[in-house]
Protein backbone atom coordinates (compact mmCIF):
# COMPACT_ATOMS: atom_id res chain seq x y z
CA UNK A 1 -25.72 9.93 17.81
CA UNK A 2 -25.37 10.74 14.53
CA UNK A 3 -22.64 12.34 14.06
CA UNK A 4 -20.77 9.24 15.67
CA UNK A 5 -22.23 6.65 13.61
CA UNK A 6 -21.43 8.55 10.51
CA UNK A 7 -17.59 8.64 12.44
CA UNK A 8 -17.77 5.19 12.72
CA UNK A 9 -19.21 4.37 9.25
CA UNK A 10 -16.67 6.67 8.10
CA UNK A 11 -13.29 5.09 9.72
CA UNK A 12 -14.37 1.62 8.77
CA UNK A 13 -14.55 3.01 4.83
CA UNK A 14 -11.12 4.30 5.30
CA UNK A 15 -9.80 1.38 6.49
CA UNK A 16 -11.33 -0.69 3.95
CA UNK A 17 -9.79 0.98 1.20
CA UNK A 18 -6.37 0.86 3.34
CA UNK A 19 -6.41 -2.53 2.99
CA UNK A 20 -7.87 -3.03 -0.39
CA UNK A 21 -5.50 -0.26 -2.04
CA UNK A 22 -2.04 -0.25 0.18
CA UNK A 23 -1.57 -3.78 1.71
CA UNK A 24 -3.43 -6.29 -0.99
CA UNK A 25 -0.77 -8.58 -1.20
CA UNK A 26 0.23 -9.53 -5.15
CA UNK A 27 -1.28 -5.93 -6.61
CA UNK A 28 -0.78 -3.28 -3.86
CA UNK A 29 1.22 0.17 -3.96
CA UNK A 30 3.48 -2.00 -0.83
CA UNK A 31 4.15 -4.91 -2.95
CA UNK A 32 4.78 -2.51 -6.06
CA UNK A 33 7.38 -0.81 -4.13
CA UNK A 34 8.52 -3.68 -3.15
CA UNK A 35 9.42 -4.95 -6.71
CA UNK A 36 10.43 -2.06 -7.98
CA UNK A 37 12.97 -1.61 -5.14
CA UNK A 38 14.67 -5.22 -5.97
CA UNK A 39 14.67 -4.06 -8.65
CA UNK A 40 16.62 -1.21 -8.57
CA UNK A 41 18.56 -2.83 -6.31
CA UNK A 42 19.83 -5.51 -8.75
CA UNK A 43 20.39 -2.82 -11.37
CA UNK A 44 22.61 -0.89 -8.87
CA UNK A 45 24.56 -4.07 -8.21
CA UNK A 46 25.29 -4.69 -11.41
CA UNK A 47 26.87 -1.44 -12.39
CA UNK A 48 30.10 -1.43 -13.10
CA UNK A 49 32.91 1.14 -12.46
């Protein structure tokens, strides 16, 4: 029973860490990747042959 409880608590902690680090609205990794991708697309589009 104790092992199941520890496993469930660890899964909850991992889920909370994921939502706070990766999925955070304005400062999360996902937002940073989207911002840098948009900036890279604009830079590539602005290149002239």
